[in-house]
PDB file of all heavy atoms in Angstrom:
ATOM      1  N   ALA A   1     -42.647 -32.857   6.295  1.00  0.00           N
ATOM      2  CA  ALA A   1     -43.499 -33.405   7.378  1.00  0.00           C
ATOM      3  C   ALA A   1     -44.824 -32.701   7.428  1.00  0.00           C
ATOM      4  O   ALA A   1     -45.886 -33.337   7.534  1.00  0.00           O
ATOM      5  CB  ALA A   1     -42.775 -33.342   8.715  1.00  0.00           C
ATOM      6  N   PHE A   2     -44.794 -31.373   7.322  1.00  0.00           N
ATOM      7  CA  PHE A   2     -46.013 -30.569   7.325  1.00  0.00           C
ATOM      8  C   PHE A   2     -46.912 -30.928   6.118  1.00  0.00           C
ATOM      9  O   PHE A   2     -48.103 -31.124   6.265  1.00  0.00           O
ATOM     10  CB  PHE A   2     -45.654 -29.084   7.303  1.00  0.00           C
ATOM     11  CG  PHE A   2     -46.843 -28.170   7.351  1.00  0.00           C
ATOM     12  CD1 PHE A   2     -47.490 -27.873   8.547  1.00  0.00           C
ATOM     13  CD2 PHE A   2     -47.309 -27.571   6.185  1.00  0.00           C
ATOM     14  CE1 PHE A   2     -48.567 -27.002   8.591  1.00  0.00           C
ATOM     15  CE2 PHE A   2     -48.385 -26.706   6.189  1.00  0.00           C
ATOM     16  CZ  PHE A   2     -49.006 -26.421   7.402  1.00  0.00           C
ATOM     17  N   THR A   3     -46.274 -31.080   4.970  1.00  0.00           N
ATOM     18  CA  THR A   3     -47.005 -31.466   3.752  1.00  0.00           C
ATOM     19  C   THR A   3     -47.629 -32.831   3.927  1.00  0.00           C
ATOM     20  O   THR A   3     -48.799 -33.058   3.589  1.00  0.00           O
ATOM     21  CB  THR A   3     -46.070 -31.445   2.536  1.00  0.00           C
ATOM     22  OG1 THR A   3     -45.523 -30.107   2.408  1.00  0.00           O
ATOM     23  CG2 THR A   3     -46.792 -31.819   1.269  1.00  0.00           C
ATOM     24  N   SER A   4     -46.854 -33.782   4.424  1.00  0.00           N
ATOM     25  CA  SER A   4     -47.371 -35.139   4.700  1.00  0.00           C
ATOM     26  C   SER A   4     -48.612 -35.089   5.550  1.00  0.00           C
ATOM     27  O   SER A   4     -49.619 -35.723   5.198  1.00  0.00           O
ATOM     28  CB  SER A   4     -46.337 -35.982   5.407  1.00  0.00           C
ATOM     29  OG  SER A   4     -45.249 -36.275   4.588  1.00  0.00           O
ATOM     30  N   LEU A   5     -48.485 -34.400   6.660  1.00  0.00           N
ATOM     31  CA  LEU A   5     -49.622 -34.320   7.609  1.00  0.00           C
ATOM     32  C   LEU A   5     -50.864 -33.762   6.926  1.00  0.00           C
ATOM     33  O   LEU A   5     -51.958 -34.297   7.074  1.00  0.00           O
ATOM     34  CB  LEU A   5     -49.225 -33.473   8.815  1.00  0.00           C
ATOM     35  CG  LEU A   5     -50.193 -33.422   9.932  1.00  0.00           C
ATOM     36  CD1 LEU A   5     -50.340 -34.808  10.587  1.00  0.00           C
ATOM     37  CD2 LEU A   5     -49.719 -32.414  10.993  1.00  0.00           C
ATOM     38  N   HIS A   6     -50.693 -32.720   6.097  1.00  0.00           N
ATOM     39  CA  HIS A   6     -51.842 -32.099   5.478  1.00  0.00           C
ATOM     40  C   HIS A   6     -52.376 -32.865   4.251  1.00  0.00           C
ATOM     41  O   HIS A   6     -53.487 -32.595   3.789  1.00  0.00           O
ATOM     42  CB  HIS A   6     -51.564 -30.630   5.143  1.00  0.00           C
ATOM     43  CG  HIS A   6     -51.591 -29.837   6.411  1.00  0.00           C
ATOM     44  ND1 HIS A   6     -52.768 -29.405   6.983  1.00  0.00           N
ATOM     45  CD2 HIS A   6     -50.607 -29.389   7.225  1.00  0.00           C
ATOM     46  CE1 HIS A   6     -52.474 -28.744   8.113  1.00  0.00           C
ATOM     47  NE2 HIS A   6     -51.196 -28.710   8.261  1.00  0.00           N
ATOM     48  N   LEU A   7     -51.592 -33.804   3.796  1.00  0.00           N
ATOM     49  CA  LEU A   7     -52.089 -34.744   2.746  1.00  0.00           C
ATOM     50  C   LEU A   7     -52.706 -35.983   3.315  1.00  0.00           C
ATOM     51  O   LEU A   7     -53.160 -36.873   2.618  1.00  0.00           O
ATOM     52  CB  LEU A   7     -50.925 -35.112   1.796  1.00  0.00           C
ATOM     53  CG  LEU A   7     -50.373 -34.025   0.900  1.00  0.00           C
ATOM     54  CD1 LEU A   7     -49.143 -34.549   0.149  1.00  0.00           C
ATOM     55  CD2 LEU A   7     -51.430 -33.564  -0.079  1.00  0.00           C
ATOM     56  N   GLY A   8     -52.679 -36.069   4.652  1.00  0.00           N
ATOM     57  CA  GLY A   8     -53.263 -37.233   5.327  1.00  0.00           C
ATOM     58  C   GLY A   8     -52.300 -38.424   5.388  1.00  0.00           C
ATOM     59  O   GLY A   8     -52.745 -39.566   5.539  1.00  0.00           O
ATOM     60  N   ILE A   9     -51.039 -38.161   5.198  1.00  0.00           N
ATOM     61  CA  ILE A   9     -50.015 -39.231   5.196  1.00  0.00           C
ATOM     62  C   ILE A   9     -49.214 -39.072   6.491  1.00  0.00           C
ATOM     63  O   ILE A   9     -48.823 -37.966   6.849  1.00  0.00           O
ATOM     64  CB  ILE A   9     -49.068 -39.057   3.976  1.00  0.00           C
ATOM     65  CG1 ILE A   9     -49.855 -39.141   2.668  1.00  0.00           C
ATOM     66  CG2 ILE A   9     -47.941 -40.084   4.043  1.00  0.00           C
ATOM     67  CD1 ILE A   9     -49.027 -38.747   1.466  1.00  0.00           C
ATOM     68  N   ALA A  10     -48.962 -40.172   7.128  1.00  0.00           N
ATOM     69  CA  ALA A  10     -48.168 -40.138   8.358  1.00  0.00           C
ATOM     70  C   ALA A  10     -46.758 -39.619   8.064  1.00  0.00           C
ATOM     71  O   ALA A  10     -46.084 -40.155   7.217  1.00  0.00           O
ATOM     72  CB  ALA A  10     -48.087 -41.528   8.991  1.00  0.00           C
ATOM     73  N   PRO A  11     -46.327 -38.570   8.784  1.00  0.00           N
ATOM     74  CA  PRO A  11     -44.972 -38.067   8.553  1.00  0.00           C
ATOM     75  C   PRO A  11     -43.877 -39.104   8.732  1.00  0.00           C
ATOM     76  O   PRO A  11     -42.869 -39.061   8.033  1.00  0.00           O
ATOM     77  CB  PRO A  11     -44.838 -36.918   9.546  1.00  0.00           C
ATOM     78  CG  PRO A  11     -46.250 -36.452   9.767  1.00  0.00           C
ATOM     79  CD  PRO A  11     -47.079 -37.703   9.699  1.00  0.00           C
ATOM     80  N   TRP A  12     -44.074 -40.054   9.647  1.00  0.00           N
ATOM     81  CA  TRP A  12     -43.027 -41.079   9.818  1.00  0.00           C
ATOM     82  C   TRP A  12     -42.810 -41.843   8.522  1.00  0.00           C
ATOM     83  O   TRP A  12     -41.698 -42.266   8.224  1.00  0.00           O
ATOM     84  CB  TRP A  12     -43.358 -42.053  10.988  1.00  0.00           C
ATOM     85  CG  TRP A  12     -44.499 -42.989  10.693  1.00  0.00           C
ATOM     86  CD1 TRP A  12     -45.807 -42.783  11.109  1.00  0.00           C
ATOM     87  CD2 TRP A  12     -44.479 -44.177   9.977  1.00  0.00           C
ATOM     88  NE1 TRP A  12     -46.586 -43.828  10.663  1.00  0.00           N
ATOM     89  CE2 TRP A  12     -45.809 -44.702   9.984  1.00  0.00           C
ATOM     90  CE3 TRP A  12     -43.479 -44.901   9.334  1.00  0.00           C
ATOM     91  CZ2 TRP A  12     -46.131 -45.888   9.330  1.00  0.00           C
ATOM     92  CZ3 TRP A  12     -43.854 -46.091   8.695  1.00  0.00           C
ATOM     93  CH2 TRP A  12     -45.152 -46.578   8.734  1.00  0.00           C
ATOM     94  N   ALA A  13     -43.896 -42.048   7.740  1.00  0.00           N
ATOM     95  CA  ALA A  13     -43.803 -42.790   6.492  1.00  0.00           C
ATOM     96  C   ALA A  13     -42.997 -41.992   5.458  1.00  0.00           C
ATOM     97  O   ALA A  13     -42.239 -42.558   4.654  1.00  0.00           O
ATOM     98  CB  ALA A  13     -45.185 -43.160   5.986  1.00  0.00           C
ATOM     99  N   MET A  14     -43.173 -40.653   5.477  1.00  0.00           N
ATOM    100  CA  MET A  14     -42.373 -39.829   4.585  1.00  0.00           C
ATOM    101  C   MET A  14     -40.919 -39.930   4.896  1.00  0.00           C
ATOM    102  O   MET A  14     -40.050 -40.003   4.002  1.00  0.00           O
ATOM    103  CB  MET A  14     -42.838 -38.341   4.717  1.00  0.00           C
ATOM    104  CG  MET A  14     -42.058 -37.352   3.907  1.00  0.00           C
ATOM    105  SD  MET A  14     -40.488 -36.765   4.628  1.00  0.00           S
ATOM    106  CE  MET A  14     -41.025 -35.963   6.139  1.00  0.00           C
ATOM    107  N   PHE A  15     -40.582 -40.010   6.220  1.00  0.00           N
ATOM    108  CA  PHE A  15     -39.165 -40.109   6.578  1.00  0.00           C
ATOM    109  C   PHE A  15     -38.518 -41.441   6.190  1.00  0.00           C
ATOM    110  O   PHE A  15     -37.328 -41.516   6.049  1.00  0.00           O
ATOM    111  CB  PHE A  15     -39.000 -39.832   8.081  1.00  0.00           C
ATOM    112  CG  PHE A  15     -38.989 -38.389   8.411  1.00  0.00           C
ATOM    113  CD1 PHE A  15     -40.046 -37.818   9.115  1.00  0.00           C
ATOM    114  CD2 PHE A  15     -37.954 -37.593   8.015  1.00  0.00           C
ATOM    115  CE1 PHE A  15     -40.048 -36.457   9.390  1.00  0.00           C
ATOM    116  CE2 PHE A  15     -37.939 -36.201   8.282  1.00  0.00           C
ATOM    117  CZ  PHE A  15     -38.990 -35.681   8.982  1.00  0.00           C
ATOM    118  N   ILE A  16     -39.314 -42.449   5.893  1.00  0.00           N
ATOM    119  CA  ILE A  16     -38.769 -43.698   5.317  1.00  0.00           C
ATOM    120  C   ILE A  16     -38.088 -43.368   3.981  1.00  0.00           C
ATOM    121  O   ILE A  16     -36.967 -43.806   3.725  1.00  0.00           O
ATOM    122  CB  ILE A  16     -39.858 -44.792   5.178  1.00  0.00           C
ATOM    123  CG1 ILE A  16     -40.386 -45.255   6.527  1.00  0.00           C
ATOM    124  CG2 ILE A  16     -39.347 -45.937   4.331  1.00  0.00           C
ATOM    125  CD1 ILE A  16     -39.420 -46.057   7.339  1.00  0.00           C
ATOM    126  N   GLY A  17     -38.785 -42.590   3.154  1.00  0.00           N
ATOM    127  CA  GLY A  17     -38.218 -42.213   1.878  1.00  0.00           C
ATOM    128  C   GLY A  17     -36.988 -41.303   2.023  1.00  0.00           C
ATOM    129  O   GLY A  17     -35.998 -41.443   1.267  1.00  0.00           O
ATOM    130  N   TRP A  18     -37.057 -40.423   3.016  1.00  0.00           N
ATOM    131  CA  TRP A  18     -35.914 -39.517   3.279  1.00  0.00           C
ATOM    132  C   TRP A  18     -34.686 -40.344   3.642  1.00  0.00           C
ATOM    133  O   TRP A  18     -33.596 -40.142   3.084  1.00  0.00           O
ATOM    134  CB  TRP A  18     -36.326 -38.579   4.417  1.00  0.00           C
ATOM    135  CG  TRP A  18     -35.250 -37.669   4.933  1.00  0.00           C
ATOM    136  CD1 TRP A  18     -34.193 -37.984   5.753  1.00  0.00           C
ATOM    137  CD2 TRP A  18     -35.103 -36.273   4.687  1.00  0.00           C
ATOM    138  NE1 TRP A  18     -33.461 -36.892   6.035  1.00  0.00           N
ATOM    139  CE2 TRP A  18     -33.989 -35.842   5.384  1.00  0.00           C
ATOM    140  CE3 TRP A  18     -35.858 -35.363   3.934  1.00  0.00           C
ATOM    141  CZ2 TRP A  18     -33.560 -34.500   5.368  1.00  0.00           C
ATOM    142  CZ3 TRP A  18     -35.437 -34.049   3.944  1.00  0.00           C
ATOM    143  CH2 TRP A  18     -34.319 -33.623   4.613  1.00  0.00           C
ATOM    144  N   VAL A  19     -34.832 -41.243   4.603  1.00  0.00           N
ATOM    145  CA  VAL A  19     -33.720 -42.054   5.043  1.00  0.00           C
ATOM    146  C   VAL A  19     -33.224 -42.929   3.893  1.00  0.00           C
ATOM    147  O   VAL A  19     -32.008 -43.071   3.672  1.00  0.00           O
ATOM    148  CB  VAL A  19     -34.108 -42.936   6.264  1.00  0.00           C
ATOM    149  CG1 VAL A  19     -33.035 -43.935   6.609  1.00  0.00           C
ATOM    150  CG2 VAL A  19     -34.391 -42.012   7.476  1.00  0.00           C
ATOM    151  N   ALA A  20     -34.144 -43.534   3.157  1.00  0.00           N
ATOM    152  CA  ALA A  20     -33.743 -44.353   2.000  1.00  0.00           C
ATOM    153  C   ALA A  20     -32.931 -43.568   0.998  1.00  0.00           C
ATOM    154  O   ALA A  20     -31.891 -44.041   0.515  1.00  0.00           O
ATOM    155  CB  ALA A  20     -34.968 -44.954   1.317  1.00  0.00           C
ATOM    156  N   TYR A  21     -33.350 -42.349   0.688  1.00  0.00           N
ATOM    157  CA  TYR A  21     -32.601 -41.508  -0.244  1.00  0.00           C
ATOM    158  C   TYR A  21     -31.164 -41.331   0.196  1.00  0.00           C
ATOM    159  O   TYR A  21     -30.249 -41.445  -0.632  1.00  0.00           O
ATOM    160  CB  TYR A  21     -33.268 -40.135  -0.459  1.00  0.00           C
ATOM    161  CG  TYR A  21     -32.445 -39.263  -1.387  1.00  0.00           C
ATOM    162  CD1 TYR A  21     -32.548 -39.445  -2.753  1.00  0.00           C
ATOM    163  CD2 TYR A  21     -31.563 -38.331  -0.908  1.00  0.00           C
ATOM    164  CE1 TYR A  21     -31.770 -38.704  -3.618  1.00  0.00           C
ATOM    165  CE2 TYR A  21     -30.757 -37.595  -1.743  1.00  0.00           C
ATOM    166  CZ  TYR A  21     -30.859 -37.792  -3.112  1.00  0.00           C
ATOM    167  OH  TYR A  21     -30.061 -37.043  -3.969  1.00  0.00           O
ATOM    168  N   PHE A  22     -30.966 -41.086   1.452  1.00  0.00           N
ATOM    169  CA  PHE A  22     -29.619 -40.832   1.942  1.00  0.00           C
ATOM    170  C   PHE A  22     -28.754 -42.072   2.129  1.00  0.00           C
ATOM    171  O   PHE A  22     -27.612 -41.965   2.543  1.00  0.00           O
ATOM    172  CB  PHE A  22     -29.652 -39.980   3.214  1.00  0.00           C
ATOM    173  CG  PHE A  22     -29.908 -38.509   2.880  1.00  0.00           C
ATOM    174  CD1 PHE A  22     -31.160 -37.994   3.094  1.00  0.00           C
ATOM    175  CD2 PHE A  22     -28.916 -37.746   2.298  1.00  0.00           C
ATOM    176  CE1 PHE A  22     -31.394 -36.644   2.746  1.00  0.00           C
ATOM    177  CE2 PHE A  22     -29.155 -36.426   1.944  1.00  0.00           C
ATOM    178  CZ  PHE A  22     -30.399 -35.874   2.175  1.00  0.00           C
ATOM    179  N   THR A  23     -29.311 -43.261   1.778  1.00  0.00           N
ATOM    180  CA  THR A  23     -28.451 -44.432   1.714  1.00  0.00           C
ATOM    181  C   THR A  23     -27.529 -44.353   0.475  1.00  0.00           C
ATOM    182  O   THR A  23     -26.504 -44.986   0.435  1.00  0.00           O
ATOM    183  CB  THR A  23     -29.224 -45.761   1.712  1.00  0.00           C
ATOM    184  OG1 THR A  23     -30.050 -45.818   0.522  1.00  0.00           O
ATOM    185  CG2 THR A  23     -30.046 -45.911   2.982  1.00  0.00           C
ATOM    186  N   ARG A  24     -27.982 -43.575  -0.513  1.00  0.00           N
ATOM    187  CA  ARG A  24     -27.197 -43.358  -1.747  1.00  0.00           C
ATOM    188  C   ARG A  24     -27.524 -41.999  -2.327  1.00  0.00           C
ATOM    189  O   ARG A  24     -28.130 -41.908  -3.400  1.00  0.00           O
ATOM    190  CB  ARG A  24     -27.532 -44.414  -2.804  1.00  0.00           C
ATOM    191  CG  ARG A  24     -27.064 -45.778  -2.413  1.00  0.00           C
ATOM    192  CD  ARG A  24     -27.113 -46.663  -3.628  1.00  0.00           C
ATOM    193  NE  ARG A  24     -26.674 -47.980  -3.214  1.00  0.00           N
ATOM    194  CZ  ARG A  24     -27.006 -49.039  -3.876  1.00  0.00           C
ATOM    195  NH1 ARG A  24     -27.736 -49.002  -4.948  1.00  0.00           N
ATOM    196  NH2 ARG A  24     -26.554 -50.219  -3.444  1.00  0.00           N
ATOM    197  N   PRO A  25     -27.083 -40.943  -1.707  1.00  0.00           N
ATOM    198  CA  PRO A  25     -27.465 -39.604  -2.180  1.00  0.00           C
ATOM    199  C   PRO A  25     -26.619 -39.102  -3.348  1.00  0.00           C
ATOM    200  O   PRO A  25     -25.820 -38.187  -3.232  1.00  0.00           O
ATOM    201  CB  PRO A  25     -27.220 -38.740  -0.939  1.00  0.00           C
ATOM    202  CG  PRO A  25     -26.109 -39.403  -0.257  1.00  0.00           C
ATOM    203  CD  PRO A  25     -26.312 -40.867  -0.484  1.00  0.00           C
ATOM    204  N   ILE A  26     -26.767 -39.739  -4.505  1.00  0.00           N
ATOM    205  CA  ILE A  26     -25.919 -39.379  -5.605  1.00  0.00           C
ATOM    206  C   ILE A  26     -26.592 -38.427  -6.599  1.00  0.00           C
ATOM    207  O   ILE A  26     -26.034 -37.440  -6.997  1.00  0.00           O
ATOM    208  CB  ILE A  26     -25.440 -40.667  -6.347  1.00  0.00           C
ATOM    209  CG1 ILE A  26     -24.626 -41.528  -5.366  1.00  0.00           C
ATOM    210  CG2 ILE A  26     -24.607 -40.350  -7.551  1.00  0.00           C
ATOM    211  CD1 ILE A  26     -24.368 -42.939  -5.825  1.00  0.00           C
ATOM    212  N   SER A  27     -27.807 -38.784  -6.979  1.00  0.00           N
ATOM    213  CA  SER A  27     -28.470 -38.010  -8.026  1.00  0.00           C
ATOM    214  C   SER A  27     -29.971 -38.256  -7.961  1.00  0.00           C
ATOM    215  O   SER A  27     -30.457 -39.125  -7.260  1.00  0.00           O
ATOM    216  CB  SER A  27     -27.973 -38.492  -9.407  1.00  0.00           C
ATOM    217  OG  SER A  27     -28.370 -39.848  -9.624  1.00  0.00           O
TER     218      SER A  27
END
C-alpha cells in the first residue's frame, strides 16, 4: 500500500490484485 501510494497508484487498486491472487493462491 505504501509503495502504491508513492508510485501515484491508488492503494485500493493494488488490493484488487491482492484479493484476486487469493482466489487461487497456488503458485
